[in-house]
PDB file of N, CA and C in Angstrom:
ATOM      1  N   MET A   1      -1.246   6.192  -8.305  1.00  0.00           N
ATOM      2  CA  MET A   1      -0.264   5.184  -9.266  1.00  0.00           C
ATOM      3  C   MET A   1      -0.947   4.051  -9.965  1.00  0.00           C
ATOM      4  N   VAL A   2      -1.097   3.820 -11.407  1.00  0.00           N
ATOM      5  CA  VAL A   2      -1.583   2.943 -11.780  1.00  0.00           C
ATOM      6  C   VAL A   2      -0.340   1.901 -12.652  1.00  0.00           C
ATOM      7  N   GLN A   3      -0.768   0.313 -12.405  1.00  0.00           N
ATOM      8  CA  GLN A   3      -0.234  -0.416 -13.068  1.00  0.00           C
ATOM      9  C   GLN A   3      -0.668  -0.948 -13.468  1.00  0.00           C
ATOM     10  N   GLN A   4       0.103  -1.541 -14.829  1.00  0.00           N
ATOM     11  CA  GLN A   4      -0.280  -2.109 -15.822  1.00  0.00           C
ATOM     12  C   GLN A   4       0.268  -3.582 -16.415  1.00  0.00           C
ATOM     13  N   SER A   5      -0.242  -4.315 -16.489  1.00  0.00           N
ATOM     14  CA  SER A   5       0.807  -5.363 -16.902  1.00  0.00           C
ATOM     15  C   SER A   5       0.355  -5.681 -18.477  1.00  0.00           C
ATOM     16  N   LEU A   6       1.486  -6.489 -18.806  1.00  0.00           N
ATOM     17  CA  LEU A   6       1.287  -6.570 -20.495  1.00  0.00           C
ATOM     18  C   LEU A   6       1.400  -7.965 -20.705  1.00  0.00           C
ATOM     19  N   VAL A   7       1.576  -8.738 -19.385  1.00  0.00           N
ATOM     20  CA  VAL A   7       0.693 -10.061 -19.302  1.00  0.00           C
ATOM     21  C   VAL A   7      -0.482 -10.533 -18.882  1.00  0.00           C
ATOM     22  N   LYS A   8      -1.404 -11.237 -19.422  1.00  0.00           N
ATOM     23  CA  LYS A   8      -2.457 -11.358 -18.992  1.00  0.00           C
ATOM     24  C   LYS A   8      -2.548 -12.859 -18.022  1.00  0.00           C
ATOM     25  N   ARG A   9      -3.175 -12.310 -17.157  1.00  0.00           N
ATOM     26  CA  ARG A   9      -3.035 -13.164 -16.054  1.00  0.00           C
ATOM     27  C   ARG A   9      -4.246 -14.602 -16.645  1.00  0.00           C
ATOM     28  N   THR A  10      -3.856 -15.717 -16.111  1.00  0.00           N
ATOM     29  CA  THR A  10      -4.405 -17.015 -16.594  1.00  0.00           C
ATOM     30  C   THR A  10      -5.228 -17.130 -15.932  1.00  0.00           C
ATOM     31  N   ARG A  11      -6.209 -17.979 -16.339  1.00  0.00           N
ATOM     32  CA  ARG A  11      -7.457 -18.101 -15.510  1.00  0.00           C
ATOM     33  C   ARG A  11      -6.925 -18.942 -13.950  1.00  0.00           C
ATOM     34  N   GLU A  12      -6.391 -19.785 -13.582  1.00  0.00           N
ATOM     35  CA  GLU A  12      -5.788 -19.977 -12.265  1.00  0.00           C
ATOM     36  C   GLU A  12      -5.320 -19.079 -11.490  1.00  0.00           C
ATOM     37  N   ALA A  13      -4.725 -17.862 -12.135  1.00  0.00           N
ATOM     38  CA  ALA A  13      -4.053 -16.854 -11.204  1.00  0.00           C
ATOM     39  C   ALA A  13      -5.149 -15.943 -10.968  1.00  0.00           C
ATOM     40  N   LYS A  14      -6.035 -15.925 -11.873  1.00  0.00           N
ATOM     41  CA  LYS A  14      -7.387 -15.142 -11.284  1.00  0.00           C
ATOM     42  C   LYS A  14      -8.095 -15.715  -9.949  1.00  0.00           C
ATOM     43  N   ARG A  15      -8.220 -17.025 -10.102  1.00  0.00           N
ATOM     44  CA  ARG A  15      -8.940 -17.812  -9.305  1.00  0.00           C
ATOM     45  C   ARG A  15      -8.344 -17.968  -8.071  1.00  0.00           C
ATOM     46  N   ASN A  16      -6.978 -17.872  -7.957  1.00  0.00           N
ATOM     47  CA  ASN A  16      -6.380 -17.634  -6.836  1.00  0.00           C
ATOM     48  C   ASN A  16      -6.184 -16.192  -6.220  1.00  0.00           C
ATOM     49  N   ALA A  17      -6.205 -15.192  -7.226  1.00  0.00           N
ATOM     50  CA  ALA A  17      -6.341 -13.924  -6.409  1.00  0.00           C
ATOM     51  C   ALA A  17      -8.018 -13.404  -6.063  1.00  0.00           C
ATOM     52  N   ALA A  18      -8.972 -14.287  -6.432  1.00  0.00           N
ATOM     53  CA  ALA A  18      -9.986 -14.550  -6.161  1.00  0.00           C
ATOM     54  C   ALA A  18     -10.446 -15.107  -4.441  1.00  0.00           C
ATOM     55  N   VAL A  19      -9.957 -16.431  -4.584  1.00  0.00           N
ATOM     56  CA  VAL A  19      -9.822 -16.637  -3.401  1.00  0.00           C
ATOM     57  C   VAL A  19      -9.166 -16.263  -2.421  1.00  0.00           C
ATOM     58  N   SER A  20      -8.385 -15.409  -2.226  1.00  0.00           N
ATOM     59  CA  SER A  20      -7.550 -14.850  -1.679  1.00  0.00           C
ATOM     60  C   SER A  20      -7.825 -14.031  -0.871  1.00  0.00           C
ATOM     61  N   VAL A  21      -9.061 -13.187  -2.236  1.00  0.00           N
ATOM     62  CA  VAL A  21      -9.312 -11.728  -1.133  1.00  0.00           C
ATOM     63  C   VAL A  21     -10.902 -12.478  -0.367  1.00  0.00           C
ATOM     64  N   ILE A  22     -11.682 -13.223  -1.206  1.00  0.00           N
ATOM     65  CA  ILE A  22     -12.678 -14.192  -0.354  1.00  0.00           C
ATOM     66  C   ILE A  22     -11.898 -14.400   1.494  1.00  0.00           C
ATOM     67  N   ALA A  23     -10.998 -14.900   1.330  1.00  0.00           N
ATOM     68  CA  ALA A  23     -10.198 -15.056   2.518  1.00  0.00           C
ATOM     69  C   ALA A  23     -10.074 -14.355   3.417  1.00  0.00           C
ATOM     70  N   MET A  24      -9.565 -13.308   3.061  1.00  0.00           N
ATOM     71  CA  MET A  24      -9.309 -11.868   3.686  1.00  0.00           C
ATOM     72  C   MET A  24     -10.350 -11.272   4.637  1.00  0.00           C
ATOM     73  N   ARG A  25     -11.780 -11.241   3.673  1.00  0.00           N
ATOM     74  CA  ARG A  25     -13.231 -10.967   3.847  1.00  0.00           C
ATOM     75  C   ARG A  25     -13.351 -12.276   5.052  1.00  0.00           C
ATOM     76  N   LEU A  26     -13.105 -13.213   5.654  1.00  0.00           N
ATOM     77  CA  LEU A  26     -13.689 -13.989   5.880  1.00  0.00           C
ATOM     78  C   LEU A  26     -13.291 -13.701   7.110  1.00  0.00           C
ATOM     79  N   ALA A  27     -11.810 -13.643   7.201  1.00  0.00           N
ATOM     80  CA  ALA A  27     -10.394 -13.798   8.556  1.00  0.00           C
ATOM     81  C   ALA A  27     -11.273 -12.166   8.725  1.00  0.00           C
ATOM     82  N   LYS A  28     -11.718 -11.245   8.086  1.00  0.00           N
ATOM     83  CA  LYS A  28     -11.940  -9.971   8.635  1.00  0.00           C
ATOM     84  C   LYS A  28     -13.262  -9.836   9.811  1.00  0.00           C
ATOM     85  N   GLU A  29     -13.908 -10.547   8.914  1.00  0.00           N
ATOM     86  CA  GLU A  29     -15.445 -11.050   9.636  1.00  0.00           C
ATOM     87  C   GLU A  29     -15.318 -11.499  10.818  1.00  0.00           C
ATOM     88  N   LYS A  30     -14.358 -12.900  11.199  1.00  0.00           N
ATOM     89  CA  LYS A  30     -14.035 -13.147  12.106  1.00  0.00           C
ATOM     90  C   LYS A  30     -13.318 -12.961  13.533  1.00  0.00           C
ATOM     91  N   ASP A  31     -12.990 -11.727  12.911  1.00  0.00           N
ATOM     92  CA  ASP A  31     -11.867 -10.510  13.829  1.00  0.00           C
ATOM     93  C   ASP A  31     -10.496 -11.335  14.153  1.00  0.00           C
ATOM     94  N   ASP A  32      -9.747 -12.302  12.967  1.00  0.00           N
ATOM     95  CA  ASP A  32      -8.793 -13.230  13.104  1.00  0.00           C
ATOM     96  C   ASP A  32      -7.528 -11.986  13.387  1.00  0.00           C
ATOM     97  N   ILE A  33      -6.948 -12.734  14.385  1.00  0.00           N
ATOM     98  CA  ILE A  33      -5.390 -12.042  14.943  1.00  0.00           C
ATOM     99  C   ILE A  33      -4.684 -11.720  13.865  1.00  0.00           C
ATOM    100  N   ILE A  34      -4.658 -12.946  12.641  1.00  0.00           N
ATOM    101  CA  ILE A  34      -3.672 -12.996  11.807  1.00  0.00           C
ATOM    102  C   ILE A  34      -3.670 -11.966  10.377  1.00  0.00           C
ATOM    103  N   TRP A  35      -5.701 -11.446  10.637  1.00  0.00           N
ATOM    104  CA  TRP A  35      -5.969 -10.661   9.808  1.00  0.00           C
ATOM    105  C   TRP A  35      -5.429  -9.183  10.169  1.00  0.00           C
ATOM    106  N   LYS A  36      -5.161  -9.366  11.424  1.00  0.00           N
ATOM    107  CA  LYS A  36      -4.952  -7.745  12.376  1.00  0.00           C
ATOM    108  C   LYS A  36      -3.441  -7.522  12.074  1.00  0.00           C
ATOM    109  N   LYS A  37      -2.814  -8.344  12.260  1.00  0.00           N
ATOM    110  CA  LYS A  37      -1.497  -8.187  11.770  1.00  0.00           C
ATOM    111  C   LYS A  37      -1.050  -8.033  10.802  1.00  0.00           C
ATOM    112  N   ALA A  38      -1.860  -8.674   9.786  1.00  0.00           N
ATOM    113  CA  ALA A  38      -1.718  -8.362   8.155  1.00  0.00           C
ATOM    114  C   ALA A  38      -2.055  -7.096   7.387  1.00  0.00           C
ATOM    115  N   SER A  39      -3.368  -6.521   8.351  1.00  0.00           N
ATOM    116  CA  SER A  39      -3.532  -5.527   8.071  1.00  0.00           C
ATOM    117  C   SER A  39      -2.429  -4.657   8.586  1.00  0.00           C
ATOM    118  N   LYS A  40      -2.239  -4.550   9.938  1.00  0.00           N
ATOM    119  CA  LYS A  40      -1.300  -3.784  10.143  1.00  0.00           C
ATOM    120  C   LYS A  40       0.034  -2.850   9.707  1.00  0.00           C
ATOM    121  N   PHE A  41       0.430  -4.395   8.926  1.00  0.00           N
ATOM    122  CA  PHE A  41       1.834  -4.519   8.331  1.00  0.00           C
ATOM    123  C   PHE A  41       1.724  -3.893   7.099  1.00  0.00           C
ATOM    124  N   LYS A  42       0.595  -4.188   6.476  1.00  0.00           N
ATOM    125  CA  LYS A  42      -0.086  -3.300   5.133  1.00  0.00           C
ATOM    126  C   LYS A  42       0.241  -1.966   5.080  1.00  0.00           C
ATOM    127  N   LYS A  43      -0.388  -1.335   6.378  1.00  0.00           N
ATOM    128  CA  LYS A  43      -0.601   0.293   6.374  1.00  0.00           C
ATOM    129  C   LYS A  43       1.176   0.506   6.658  1.00  0.00           C
ATOM    130  N   LEU A  44       1.525  -0.115   7.603  1.00  0.00           N
ATOM    131  CA  LEU A  44       2.710   0.385   7.587  1.00  0.00           C
ATOM    132  C   LEU A  44       3.672   0.290   6.266  1.00  0.00           C
ATOM    133  N   PHE A  45       3.844  -0.689   5.497  1.00  0.00           N
ATOM    134  CA  PHE A  45       4.206  -0.510   4.479  1.00  0.00           C
ATOM    135  C   PHE A  45       3.924   0.473   3.230  1.00  0.00           C
ATOM    136  N   VAL A  46       2.471   0.782   3.340  1.00  0.00           N
ATOM    137  CA  VAL A  46       1.927   1.634   2.508  1.00  0.00           C
ATOM    138  C   VAL A  46       1.868   3.210   2.910  1.00  0.00           C
ATOM    139  N   ALA A  47       2.626   3.165   3.961  1.00  0.00           N
ATOM    140  CA  ALA A  47       2.708   4.623   5.119  1.00  0.00           C
ATOM    141  C   ALA A  47       4.249   4.863   4.340  1.00  0.00           C
ATOM    142  N   ALA A  48       5.026   3.845   4.161  1.00  0.00           N
ATOM    143  CA  ALA A  48       6.612   3.995   3.914  1.00  0.00           C
ATOM    144  C   ALA A  48       6.935   4.452   2.553  1.00  0.00           C
ATOM    145  N   LYS A  49       5.802   3.185   1.568  1.00  0.00           N
ATOM    146  CA  LYS A  49       6.022   3.729   0.613  1.00  0.00           C
ATOM    147  C   LYS A  49       5.751   5.116   0.140  1.00  0.00           C
ATOM    148  N   ASP A  50       4.504   5.843   0.859  1.00  0.00           N
ATOM    149  CA  ASP A  50       4.221   7.167   0.058  1.00  0.00           C
ATOM    150  C   ASP A  50       5.378   8.012   0.906  1.00  0.00           C
ATOM    151  N   ALA A  51       5.808   7.682   2.034  1.00  0.00           N
ATOM    152  CA  ALA A  51       6.721   8.439   2.716  1.00  0.00           C
ATOM    153  C   ALA A  51       8.241   8.700   1.236  1.00  0.00           C
ATOM    154  N   ILE A  52       8.690   7.169   1.178  1.00  0.00           N
ATOM    155  CA  ILE A  52      10.065   7.248  -0.054  1.00  0.00           C
ATOM    156  C   ILE A  52       9.230   7.840  -1.256  1.00  0.00           C
ATOM    157  N   ASN A  53       8.030   7.602  -1.594  1.00  0.00           N
ATOM    158  CA  ASN A  53       7.332   8.604  -3.414  1.00  0.00           C
ATOM    159  C   ASN A  53       7.680   9.916  -2.593  1.00  0.00           C
ATOM    160  N   LYS A  54       7.044  10.194  -1.737  1.00  0.00           N
ATOM    161  CA  LYS A  54       7.485  11.753  -1.254  1.00  0.00           C
ATOM    162  C   LYS A  54       8.787  12.298  -1.094  1.00  0.00           C
ATOM    163  N   LYS A  55      10.253  11.417  -0.636  1.00  0.00           N
ATOM    164  CA  LYS A  55      11.296  11.989  -0.639  1.00  0.00           C
ATOM    165  C   LYS A  55      11.511  11.771  -2.097  1.00  0.00           C
ATOM    166  N   TYR A  56      11.822  10.544  -2.783  1.00  0.00           N
ATOM    167  CA  TYR A  56      12.223  10.702  -4.060  1.00  0.00           C
ATOM    168  C   TYR A  56      11.694  10.699  -5.203  1.00  0.00           C
ATOM    169  N   GLY A  57      10.275  11.012  -5.192  1.00  0.00           N
ATOM    170  CA  GLY A  57       9.640  10.843  -6.570  1.00  0.00           C
ATOM    171  C   GLY A  57      10.059  11.844  -7.302  1.00  0.00           C
ATOM    172  N   GLN A  58      10.212  13.120  -6.843  1.00  0.00           N
ATOM    173  CA  GLN A  58      10.752  13.901  -8.197  1.00  0.00           C
ATOM    174  C   GLN A  58      11.790  14.069  -8.822  1.00  0.00           C
ATOM    175  N   ARG A  59      12.711  13.029  -8.302  1.00  0.00           N
ATOM    176  CA  ARG A  59      14.219  12.363  -8.560  1.00  0.00           C
ATOM    177  C   ARG A  59      13.788  11.357  -9.941  1.00  0.00           C
ATOM    178  N   ALA A  60      12.881  10.425  -9.357  1.00  0.00           N
ATOM    179  CA  ALA A  60      12.534   9.555  -9.851  1.00  0.00           C
ATOM    180  C   ALA A  60      12.083   9.597 -11.097  1.00  0.00           C
ATOM    181  N   SER A  61      11.201  11.197 -10.954  1.00  0.00           N
ATOM    182  CA  SER A  61      10.383  11.182 -12.073  1.00  0.00           C
ATOM    183  C   SER A  61      11.117  11.995 -13.312  1.00  0.00           C
ATOM    184  N   ILE A  62      12.064  12.613 -12.749  1.00  0.00           N
ATOM    185  CA  ILE A  62      13.404  13.010 -13.442  1.00  0.00           C
ATOM    186  C   ILE A  62      13.825  11.883 -14.297  1.00  0.00           C
ATOM    187  N   GLU A  63      14.217  10.722 -13.598  1.00  0.00           N
ATOM    188  CA  GLU A  63      15.250   9.942 -14.180  1.00  0.00           C
ATOM    189  C   GLU A  63      13.984   9.484 -15.224  1.00  0.00           C
ATOM    190  N   TRP A  64      12.983   9.256 -14.991  1.00  0.00           N
ATOM    191  CA  TRP A  64      11.758   8.462 -15.849  1.00  0.00           C
ATOM    192  C   TRP A  64      12.037   9.232 -17.750  1.00  0.00           C
ATOM    193  N   MET A  65      12.041  10.722 -17.174  1.00  0.00           N
ATOM    194  CA  MET A  65      12.010  11.520 -18.442  1.00  0.00           C
ATOM    195  C   MET A  65      13.005  11.309 -18.934  1.00  0.00           C
ATOM    196  N   LYS A  66      14.042  11.257 -18.402  1.00  0.00           N
ATOM    197  CA  LYS A  66      15.562  11.145 -19.035  1.00  0.00           C
ATOM    198  C   LYS A  66      15.053   9.756 -19.692  1.00  0.00           C
ATOM    199  N   LYS A  67      15.362   8.709 -19.379  1.00  0.00           N
ATOM    200  CA  LYS A  67      15.359   7.099 -20.012  1.00  0.00           C
ATOM    201  C   LYS A  67      13.981   7.303 -21.646  1.00  0.00           C
ATOM    202  N   GLN A  68      12.768   7.966 -20.766  1.00  0.00           N
ATOM    203  CA  GLN A  68      11.677   8.337 -22.254  1.00  0.00           C
ATOM    204  C   GLN A  68      12.682   8.788 -23.384  1.00  0.00           C
ATOM    205  N   ASN A  69      13.283   9.750 -23.136  1.00  0.00           N
ATOM    206  CA  ASN A  69      14.185  10.707 -24.170  1.00  0.00           C
ATOM    207  C   ASN A  69      14.848  10.245 -24.965  1.00  0.00           C
ATOM    208  N   GLU A  70      15.925   9.047 -24.159  1.00  0.00           N
ATOM    209  CA  GLU A  70      16.492   8.412 -24.508  1.00  0.00           C
ATOM    210  C   GLU A  70      16.191   7.460 -25.541  1.00  0.00           C
ATOM    211  N   ASN A  71      14.812   6.765 -25.148  1.00  0.00           N
ATOM    212  CA  ASN A  71      14.464   5.589 -25.658  1.00  0.00           C
ATOM    213  C   ASN A  71      14.064   6.464 -27.342  1.00  0.00           C
ATOM    214  N   LYS A  72      13.380   7.316 -27.414  1.00  0.00           N
ATOM    215  CA  LYS A  72      12.950   8.433 -28.211  1.00  0.00           C
ATOM    216  C   LYS A  72      14.075   8.519 -29.427  1.00  0.00           C
ATOM    217  N   ALA A  73      15.137   8.907 -28.896  1.00  0.00           N
ATOM    218  CA  ALA A  73      16.121   9.206 -29.918  1.00  0.00           C
ATOM    219  C   ALA A  73      17.015   8.175 -30.210  1.00  0.00           C
ATOM    220  N   LYS A  74      16.743   6.859 -29.498  1.00  0.00           N
ATOM    221  CA  LYS A  74      17.232   5.751 -30.527  1.00  0.00           C
ATOM    222  C   LYS A  74      16.226   5.498 -31.191  1.00  0.00           C
ATOM    223  N   LYS A  75      15.254   5.758 -31.438  1.00  0.00           N
ATOM    224  CA  LYS A  75      14.479   5.016 -32.479  1.00  0.00           C
ATOM    225  C   LYS A  75      14.160   5.982 -33.622  1.00  0.00           C
TER     226      LYS A  75
END
């Protein structure tokens, strides 16, 4: 799934994201217990999201198509 944002990130937001990535890398290198917890729960979140997409993906796709067609009909 590719997400696109219409809002351009500010310089500060880009900086914060970069700092966060570097901090996570440093924690991983140090084998920090907090990093282990974060990665474990991220994996659980991703697995749950994949399961939800597998279960409801077809219905969600149909709803999305209906909304797209409604928007085209309004124009």
